[in-house]
Amino acid sequence: MAEKTSELNAIKQELIALKDTATKDRVKNLLQKEINNIDSELKEIQLKQLAKDEAPKAPTKITVDIKEHAFDESDKFVKLFIPFDASQLKDEDVQLILSEDSFSLIIQTPNKNHRFIVTSLLRKINVEKSYKKIKPDMVYLYLKKTKEGENWGCLTTTEKRLKESKTKMFDKNDDDGSGDPGNQLMNMMKKMYETGDPEMKRTIAKAWTEGQNKQRDFPM
């Protein structure tokens, strides 16, 4: 647009110079008419540029990570259930990009991009036979196992390492053979806390805190 404006201004200056040297009124009028046409073009370009500058810019979408999902598996598939209000979504709003050991799920809404990215699947998957399914209140991912019948137990290698380290920690802290009922109770509570649901964990944590407070208030 700037190049066009510069070219028109150059032509206008030549026309003005020709008009100044012209001796016939008819020639002067023709040159002035062309000068007026160029002025109109320049004004139109200026108005378009002004409208472009003042046009509202689309807000930049923020990207948020999807935190909540449920895990299940069958002999053939690892299944992920992601709670999401998908009632207004189209199929193209939900993008699933797969590789043998990773996937990226991007859900596009008017104001946000929601993403769920996993880079270290526990086992390899069959990309061609894996797929997504969209329901009004849920997005489902079906990851086809390369080896059917193989039990995963968790989604990623990181989750498996954490699970194994916690198991080893509790094994190490098991009853030391002293026969102390207090030690046995403590080990049992630790295992209940590890395997319990959120309500169970809150109950055990509360009991533990209250027990510690009583010990401070009434030392043996």
C-alpha atoms as a PDB file:
ATOM      1  CA  MET A   1       0.000   0.000   0.000  1.00  0.00           C
ATOM      2  CA  ALA A   2       2.852   2.393   0.756  1.00  0.00           C
ATOM      3  CA  GLU A   3       4.430   1.614  -2.624  1.00  0.00           C
ATOM      4  CA  LYS A   4       1.148   2.403  -4.402  1.00  0.00           C
ATOM      5  CA  THR A   5       0.842   5.729  -2.550  1.00  0.00           C
ATOM      6  CA  SER A   6       4.390   6.694  -3.466  1.00  0.00           C
ATOM      7  CA  GLU A   7       3.777   5.904  -7.144  1.00  0.00           C
ATOM      8  CA  LEU A   8       0.572   7.959  -7.277  1.00  0.00           C
ATOM      9  CA  ASN A   9       2.253  10.936  -5.624  1.00  0.00           C
ATOM     10  CA  ALA A  10       5.052  10.818  -8.196  1.00  0.00           C
ATOM     11  CA  ILE A  11       2.543  10.785 -11.071  1.00  0.00           C
ATOM     12  CA  LYS A  12       0.641  13.648  -9.482  1.00  0.00           C
ATOM     13  CA  GLN A  13       3.781  15.783  -9.300  1.00  0.00           C
ATOM     14  CA  GLU A  14       4.508  15.187 -13.015  1.00  0.00           C
ATOM     15  CA  LEU A  15       0.937  16.140 -13.913  1.00  0.00           C
ATOM     16  CA  ILE A  16       1.220  19.332 -11.893  1.00  0.00           C
ATOM     17  CA  ALA A  17       4.496  20.182 -13.647  1.00  0.00           C
ATOM     18  CA  LEU A  18       2.882  19.586 -17.058  1.00  0.00           C
ATOM     19  CA  LYS A  19      -0.099  21.717 -16.125  1.00  0.00           C
ATOM     20  CA  ASP A  20       2.164  24.580 -15.111  1.00  0.00           C
ATOM     21  CA  THR A  21       3.817  24.508 -18.534  1.00  0.00           C
ATOM     22  CA  ALA A  22       0.617  24.018 -20.557  1.00  0.00           C
ATOM     23  CA  THR A  23      -0.713  26.991 -22.514  1.00  0.00           C
ATOM     24  CA  LYS A  24      -4.104  25.708 -23.642  1.00  0.00           C
ATOM     25  CA  ASP A  25      -7.031  25.780 -21.196  1.00  0.00           C
ATOM     26  CA  ARG A  26      -8.352  22.471 -22.492  1.00  0.00           C
ATOM     27  CA  VAL A  27      -5.021  20.779 -21.780  1.00  0.00           C
ATOM     28  CA  LYS A  28      -4.893  22.358 -18.333  1.00  0.00           C
ATOM     29  CA  ASN A  29      -8.431  21.132 -17.593  1.00  0.00           C
ATOM     30  CA  LEU A  30      -7.606  17.595 -18.727  1.00  0.00           C
ATOM     31  CA  LEU A  31      -4.492  17.549 -16.564  1.00  0.00           C
ATOM     32  CA  GLN A  32      -6.411  18.940 -13.562  1.00  0.00           C
ATOM     33  CA  LYS A  33      -9.086  16.280 -14.020  1.00  0.00           C
ATOM     34  CA  GLU A  34      -6.421  13.556 -13.867  1.00  0.00           C
ATOM     35  CA  ILE A  35      -4.856  15.216 -10.822  1.00  0.00           C
ATOM     36  CA  ASN A  36      -8.276  15.121  -9.122  1.00  0.00           C
ATOM     37  CA  ASN A  37      -8.629  11.420  -9.964  1.00  0.00           C
ATOM     38  CA  ILE A  38      -5.283  10.688  -8.353  1.00  0.00           C
ATOM     39  CA  ASP A  39      -6.296  12.699  -5.271  1.00  0.00           C
ATOM     40  CA  SER A  40      -9.415  10.521  -5.020  1.00  0.00           C
ATOM     41  CA  GLU A  41      -7.305   7.346  -5.224  1.00  0.00           C
ATOM     42  CA  LEU A  42      -4.934   8.633  -2.556  1.00  0.00           C
ATOM     43  CA  LYS A  43      -7.844   9.491  -0.277  1.00  0.00           C
ATOM     44  CA  GLU A  44      -9.373   6.032  -0.760  1.00  0.00           C
ATOM     45  CA  ILE A  45      -6.061   4.369   0.125  1.00  0.00           C
ATOM     46  CA  GLN A  46      -5.781   6.553   3.224  1.00  0.00           C
ATOM     47  CA  LEU A  47      -9.309   5.625   4.369  1.00  0.00           C
ATOM     48  CA  LYS A  48      -8.655   1.899   3.873  1.00  0.00           C
ATOM     49  CA  GLN A  49      -5.443   2.125   5.888  1.00  0.00           C
ATOM     50  CA  LEU A  50      -7.248   4.022   8.658  1.00  0.00           C
ATOM     51  CA  ALA A  51     -10.035   1.417   8.779  1.00  0.00           C
ATOM     52  CA  LYS A  52      -7.467  -1.381   8.924  1.00  0.00           C
ATOM     53  CA  ASP A  53      -5.593   0.285  11.774  1.00  0.00           C
ATOM     54  CA  GLU A  54      -8.788   0.826  13.759  1.00  0.00           C
ATOM     55  CA  ALA A  55     -10.247  -2.645  13.178  1.00  0.00           C
ATOM     56  CA  PRO A  56     -10.559  -4.621  16.434  1.00  0.00           C
ATOM     57  CA  LYS A  57      -7.945  -7.345  16.702  1.00  0.00           C
ATOM     58  CA  ALA A  58      -9.012 -10.839  17.675  1.00  0.00           C
ATOM     59  CA  PRO A  59      -7.968 -11.594  21.266  1.00  0.00           C
ATOM     60  CA  THR A  60      -5.120 -14.055  21.665  1.00  0.00           C
ATOM     61  CA  LYS A  61      -6.342 -17.382  23.018  1.00  0.00           C
ATOM     62  CA  ILE A  62      -4.803 -18.664  26.206  1.00  0.00           C
ATOM     63  CA  THR A  63      -3.769 -22.306  26.510  1.00  0.00           C
ATOM     64  CA  VAL A  64      -4.621 -24.331  29.606  1.00  0.00           C
ATOM     65  CA  ASP A  65      -3.648 -27.873  30.545  1.00  0.00           C
ATOM     66  CA  ILE A  66      -6.288 -30.521  31.095  1.00  0.00           C
ATOM     67  CA  LYS A  67      -5.775 -31.908  34.599  1.00  0.00           C
ATOM     68  CA  GLU A  68      -8.646 -34.335  35.103  1.00  0.00           C
ATOM     69  CA  HIS A  69      -9.017 -37.697  33.403  1.00  0.00           C
ATOM     70  CA  ALA A  70      -9.908 -41.283  34.224  1.00  0.00           C
ATOM     71  CA  PHE A  71      -7.967 -44.365  33.106  1.00  0.00           C
ATOM     72  CA  ASP A  72      -9.269 -47.792  32.132  1.00  0.00           C
ATOM     73  CA  GLU A  73      -8.155 -50.599  29.856  1.00  0.00           C
ATOM     74  CA  SER A  74      -9.370 -53.696  28.097  1.00  0.00           C
ATOM     75  CA  ASP A  75      -7.454 -56.422  26.295  1.00  0.00           C
ATOM     76  CA  LYS A  76      -7.371 -54.270  23.151  1.00  0.00           C
ATOM     77  CA  PHE A  77      -7.475 -50.642  24.289  1.00  0.00           C
ATOM     78  CA  VAL A  78      -6.208 -48.190  26.870  1.00  0.00           C
ATOM     79  CA  LYS A  79      -9.147 -45.859  27.494  1.00  0.00           C
ATOM     80  CA  LEU A  80      -9.050 -42.279  28.746  1.00  0.00           C
ATOM     81  CA  PHE A  81     -12.171 -40.419  29.814  1.00  0.00           C
ATOM     82  CA  ILE A  82     -11.850 -36.620  29.932  1.00  0.00           C
ATOM     83  CA  PRO A  83     -14.757 -34.665  31.461  1.00  0.00           C
ATOM     84  CA  PHE A  84     -15.489 -31.695  29.203  1.00  0.00           C
ATOM     85  CA  ASP A  85     -18.486 -29.646  28.092  1.00  0.00           C
ATOM     86  CA  ALA A  86     -18.334 -30.631  24.434  1.00  0.00           C
ATOM     87  CA  SER A  87     -21.981 -29.927  23.639  1.00  0.00           C
ATOM     88  CA  GLN A  88     -21.067 -27.013  21.333  1.00  0.00           C
ATOM     89  CA  LEU A  89     -17.951 -28.541  19.793  1.00  0.00           C
ATOM     90  CA  LYS A  90     -17.515 -29.769  16.255  1.00  0.00           C
ATOM     91  CA  ASP A  91     -15.321 -32.696  15.360  1.00  0.00           C
ATOM     92  CA  GLU A  92     -12.645 -30.393  13.925  1.00  0.00           C
ATOM     93  CA  ASP A  93     -12.463 -28.521  17.254  1.00  0.00           C
ATOM     94  CA  VAL A  94     -10.941 -31.616  18.861  1.00  0.00           C
ATOM     95  CA  GLN A  95      -7.539 -32.570  17.435  1.00  0.00           C
ATOM     96  CA  LEU A  96      -5.762 -35.791  18.393  1.00  0.00           C
ATOM     97  CA  ILE A  97      -2.152 -36.164  17.244  1.00  0.00           C
ATOM     98  CA  LEU A  98      -0.670 -39.625  17.842  1.00  0.00           C
ATOM     99  CA  SER A  99       2.689 -41.338  17.730  1.00  0.00           C
ATOM    100  CA  GLU A 100       3.691 -44.809  18.927  1.00  0.00           C
ATOM    101  CA  ASP A 101       4.614 -43.606  22.419  1.00  0.00           C
ATOM    102  CA  SER A 102       2.905 -40.224  22.811  1.00  0.00           C
ATOM    103  CA  PHE A 103      -0.170 -38.179  21.990  1.00  0.00           C
ATOM    104  CA  SER A 104      -1.427 -34.588  22.042  1.00  0.00           C
ATOM    105  CA  LEU A 105      -5.093 -33.731  22.498  1.00  0.00           C
ATOM    106  CA  ILE A 106      -6.079 -30.124  21.695  1.00  0.00           C
ATOM    107  CA  ILE A 107      -9.636 -28.941  22.332  1.00  0.00           C
ATOM    108  CA  GLN A 108     -10.389 -25.539  20.846  1.00  0.00           C
ATOM    109  CA  THR A 109     -13.121 -23.345  22.346  1.00  0.00           C
ATOM    110  CA  PRO A 110     -13.881 -19.687  21.504  1.00  0.00           C
ATOM    111  CA  ASN A 111     -11.715 -18.305  24.318  1.00  0.00           C
ATOM    112  CA  LYS A 112      -9.231 -21.058  25.184  1.00  0.00           C
ATOM    113  CA  ASN A 113      -7.193 -23.947  23.858  1.00  0.00           C
ATOM    114  CA  HIS A 114      -7.287 -26.920  26.214  1.00  0.00           C
ATOM    115  CA  ARG A 115      -4.441 -29.406  25.889  1.00  0.00           C
ATOM    116  CA  PHE A 116      -3.620 -32.853  27.218  1.00  0.00           C
ATOM    117  CA  ILE A 117      -0.108 -33.958  26.237  1.00  0.00           C
ATOM    118  CA  VAL A 118       1.573 -37.259  27.122  1.00  0.00           C
ATOM    119  CA  THR A 119       5.142 -37.863  25.937  1.00  0.00           C
ATOM    120  CA  SER A 120       6.029 -41.194  27.573  1.00  0.00           C
ATOM    121  CA  LEU A 121       3.322 -43.824  27.182  1.00  0.00           C
ATOM    122  CA  LEU A 122       4.058 -46.983  29.119  1.00  0.00           C
ATOM    123  CA  ARG A 123       3.772 -49.165  26.002  1.00  0.00           C
ATOM    124  CA  LYS A 124       3.636 -48.549  22.254  1.00  0.00           C
ATOM    125  CA  ILE A 125       0.253 -48.050  20.611  1.00  0.00           C
ATOM    126  CA  ASN A 126      -1.147 -48.693  17.145  1.00  0.00           C
ATOM    127  CA  VAL A 127      -1.617 -45.191  15.738  1.00  0.00           C
ATOM    128  CA  GLU A 128      -3.872 -46.198  12.831  1.00  0.00           C
ATOM    129  CA  LYS A 129      -6.378 -48.000  15.067  1.00  0.00           C
ATOM    130  CA  SER A 130      -6.448 -45.433  17.887  1.00  0.00           C
ATOM    131  CA  TYR A 131      -9.193 -42.819  17.838  1.00  0.00           C
ATOM    132  CA  LYS A 132     -11.246 -40.236  19.732  1.00  0.00           C
ATOM    133  CA  LYS A 133     -14.953 -40.047  20.448  1.00  0.00           C
ATOM    134  CA  ILE A 134     -16.822 -36.889  21.461  1.00  0.00           C
ATOM    135  CA  LYS A 135     -19.906 -36.888  23.672  1.00  0.00           C
ATOM    136  CA  PRO A 136     -21.766 -33.839  25.094  1.00  0.00           C
ATOM    137  CA  ASP A 137     -20.082 -34.132  28.509  1.00  0.00           C
ATOM    138  CA  MET A 138     -16.979 -36.199  27.768  1.00  0.00           C
ATOM    139  CA  VAL A 139     -14.111 -36.720  25.332  1.00  0.00           C
ATOM    140  CA  TYR A 140     -13.011 -40.358  25.011  1.00  0.00           C
ATOM    141  CA  LEU A 141      -9.609 -41.525  23.795  1.00  0.00           C
ATOM    142  CA  TYR A 142      -9.132 -45.117  22.682  1.00  0.00           C
ATOM    143  CA  LEU A 143      -5.454 -46.021  22.376  1.00  0.00           C
ATOM    144  CA  LYS A 144      -5.056 -49.361  20.594  1.00  0.00           C
ATOM    145  CA  LYS A 145      -2.568 -51.635  22.291  1.00  0.00           C
ATOM    146  CA  THR A 146       0.165 -52.971  20.032  1.00  0.00           C
ATOM    147  CA  LYS A 147       0.178 -56.162  22.098  1.00  0.00           C
ATOM    148  CA  GLU A 148      -3.375 -57.220  22.859  1.00  0.00           C
ATOM    149  CA  GLY A 149      -3.922 -58.720  26.297  1.00  0.00           C
ATOM    150  CA  GLU A 150      -0.932 -56.919  27.800  1.00  0.00           C
ATOM    151  CA  ASN A 151      -1.796 -55.253  31.097  1.00  0.00           C
ATOM    152  CA  TRP A 152      -0.624 -51.634  31.478  1.00  0.00           C
ATOM    153  CA  GLY A 153      -1.930 -50.726  34.927  1.00  0.00           C
ATOM    154  CA  CYS A 154      -1.098 -47.050  34.371  1.00  0.00           C
ATOM    155  CA  LEU A 155      -0.656 -44.644  31.474  1.00  0.00           C
ATOM    156  CA  THR A 156       2.972 -43.536  31.471  1.00  0.00           C
ATOM    157  CA  THR A 157       6.447 -44.721  32.433  1.00  0.00           C
ATOM    158  CA  THR A 158       6.615 -41.912  35.003  1.00  0.00           C
ATOM    159  CA  GLU A 159       3.450 -43.096  36.723  1.00  0.00           C
ATOM    160  CA  LYS A 160       4.824 -46.636  36.847  1.00  0.00           C
ATOM    161  CA  ARG A 161       8.100 -45.489  38.450  1.00  0.00           C
ATOM    162  CA  LEU A 162       6.229 -43.473  41.077  1.00  0.00           C
ATOM    163  CA  LYS A 163       3.935 -46.394  41.796  1.00  0.00           C
ATOM    164  CA  GLU A 164       6.874 -48.779  42.213  1.00  0.00           C
ATOM    165  CA  SER A 165       8.813 -46.364  44.431  1.00  0.00           C
ATOM    166  CA  LYS A 166       5.825 -45.933  46.752  1.00  0.00           C
ATOM    167  CA  THR A 167       5.365 -49.705  46.967  1.00  0.00           C
ATOM    168  CA  LYS A 168       9.035 -50.154  47.896  1.00  0.00           C
ATOM    169  CA  MET A 169       8.747 -47.418  50.517  1.00  0.00           C
ATOM    170  CA  PHE A 170       5.860 -49.161  52.242  1.00  0.00           C
ATOM    171  CA  ASP A 171       7.591 -52.557  52.015  1.00  0.00           C
ATOM    172  CA  LYS A 172      10.648 -51.036  53.686  1.00  0.00           C
ATOM    173  CA  ASN A 173       8.537 -49.570  56.460  1.00  0.00           C
ATOM    174  CA  ASP A 174       6.559 -52.767  57.111  1.00  0.00           C
ATOM    175  CA  ASP A 175       6.523 -54.441  60.493  1.00  0.00           C
ATOM    176  CA  ASP A 176      10.115 -54.767  61.714  1.00  0.00           C
ATOM    177  CA  GLY A 177       9.368 -57.944  63.695  1.00  0.00           C
ATOM    178  CA  SER A 178       9.163 -56.166  67.039  1.00  0.00           C
ATOM    179  CA  GLY A 179       5.523 -57.091  67.373  1.00  0.00           C
ATOM    180  CA  ASP A 180       4.736 -53.533  68.438  1.00  0.00           C
ATOM    181  CA  PRO A 181       1.002 -52.974  67.738  1.00  0.00           C
ATOM    182  CA  GLY A 182       1.718 -49.283  67.239  1.00  0.00           C
ATOM    183  CA  ASN A 183       4.107 -50.036  64.364  1.00  0.00           C
ATOM    184  CA  GLN A 184       1.629 -52.439  62.805  1.00  0.00           C
ATOM    185  CA  LEU A 185      -1.160 -49.868  63.047  1.00  0.00           C
ATOM    186  CA  MET A 186       1.056 -47.202  61.506  1.00  0.00           C
ATOM    187  CA  ASN A 187       1.961 -49.440  58.563  1.00  0.00           C
ATOM    188  CA  MET A 188      -1.675 -50.329  58.046  1.00  0.00           C
ATOM    189  CA  MET A 189      -2.682 -46.635  58.022  1.00  0.00           C
ATOM    190  CA  LYS A 190       0.042 -45.835  55.502  1.00  0.00           C
ATOM    191  CA  LYS A 191      -1.220 -48.512  53.139  1.00  0.00           C
ATOM    192  CA  MET A 192      -4.819 -47.386  53.598  1.00  0.00           C
ATOM    193  CA  TYR A 193      -3.766 -43.814  52.821  1.00  0.00           C
ATOM    194  CA  GLU A 194      -1.920 -44.912  49.670  1.00  0.00           C
ATOM    195  CA  THR A 195      -4.780 -46.966  48.266  1.00  0.00           C
ATOM    196  CA  GLY A 196      -7.739 -45.019  49.649  1.00  0.00           C
ATOM    197  CA  ASP A 197     -10.017 -42.550  47.901  1.00  0.00           C
ATOM    198  CA  PRO A 198      -9.761 -38.768  48.596  1.00  0.00           C
ATOM    199  CA  GLU A 199     -12.276 -38.965  51.469  1.00  0.00           C
ATOM    200  CA  MET A 200     -10.323 -41.795  53.100  1.00  0.00           C
ATOM    201  CA  LYS A 201      -7.072 -39.826  52.761  1.00  0.00           C
ATOM    202  CA  ARG A 202      -8.623 -36.743  54.372  1.00  0.00           C
ATOM    203  CA  THR A 203      -9.939 -38.835  57.281  1.00  0.00           C
ATOM    204  CA  ILE A 204      -6.556 -40.498  57.915  1.00  0.00           C
ATOM    205  CA  ALA A 205      -4.680 -37.181  57.641  1.00  0.00           C
ATOM    206  CA  LYS A 206      -7.070 -35.576  60.132  1.00  0.00           C
ATOM    207  CA  ALA A 207      -6.679 -38.478  62.582  1.00  0.00           C
ATOM    208  CA  TRP A 208      -2.894 -38.325  62.263  1.00  0.00           C
ATOM    209  CA  THR A 209      -2.814 -34.552  62.912  1.00  0.00           C
ATOM    210  CA  GLU A 210      -5.094 -34.837  65.934  1.00  0.00           C
ATOM    211  CA  GLY A 211      -2.941 -37.666  67.314  1.00  0.00           C
ATOM    212  CA  GLN A 212       0.231 -35.596  66.954  1.00  0.00           C
ATOM    213  CA  ASN A 213      -1.408 -32.615  68.673  1.00  0.00           C
ATOM    214  CA  LYS A 214      -2.478 -34.778  71.623  1.00  0.00           C
ATOM    215  CA  GLN A 215       1.058 -36.083  72.019  1.00  0.00           C
ATOM    216  CA  ARG A 216       2.364 -32.508  72.212  1.00  0.00           C
ATOM    217  CA  ASP A 217      -0.315 -31.492  74.726  1.00  0.00           C
ATOM    218  CA  PHE A 218       0.149 -34.560  76.951  1.00  0.00           C
ATOM    219  CA  PRO A 219       3.757 -35.786  76.669  1.00  0.00           C
ATOM    220  CA  MET A 220       4.513 -39.207  78.081  1.00  0.00           C
END
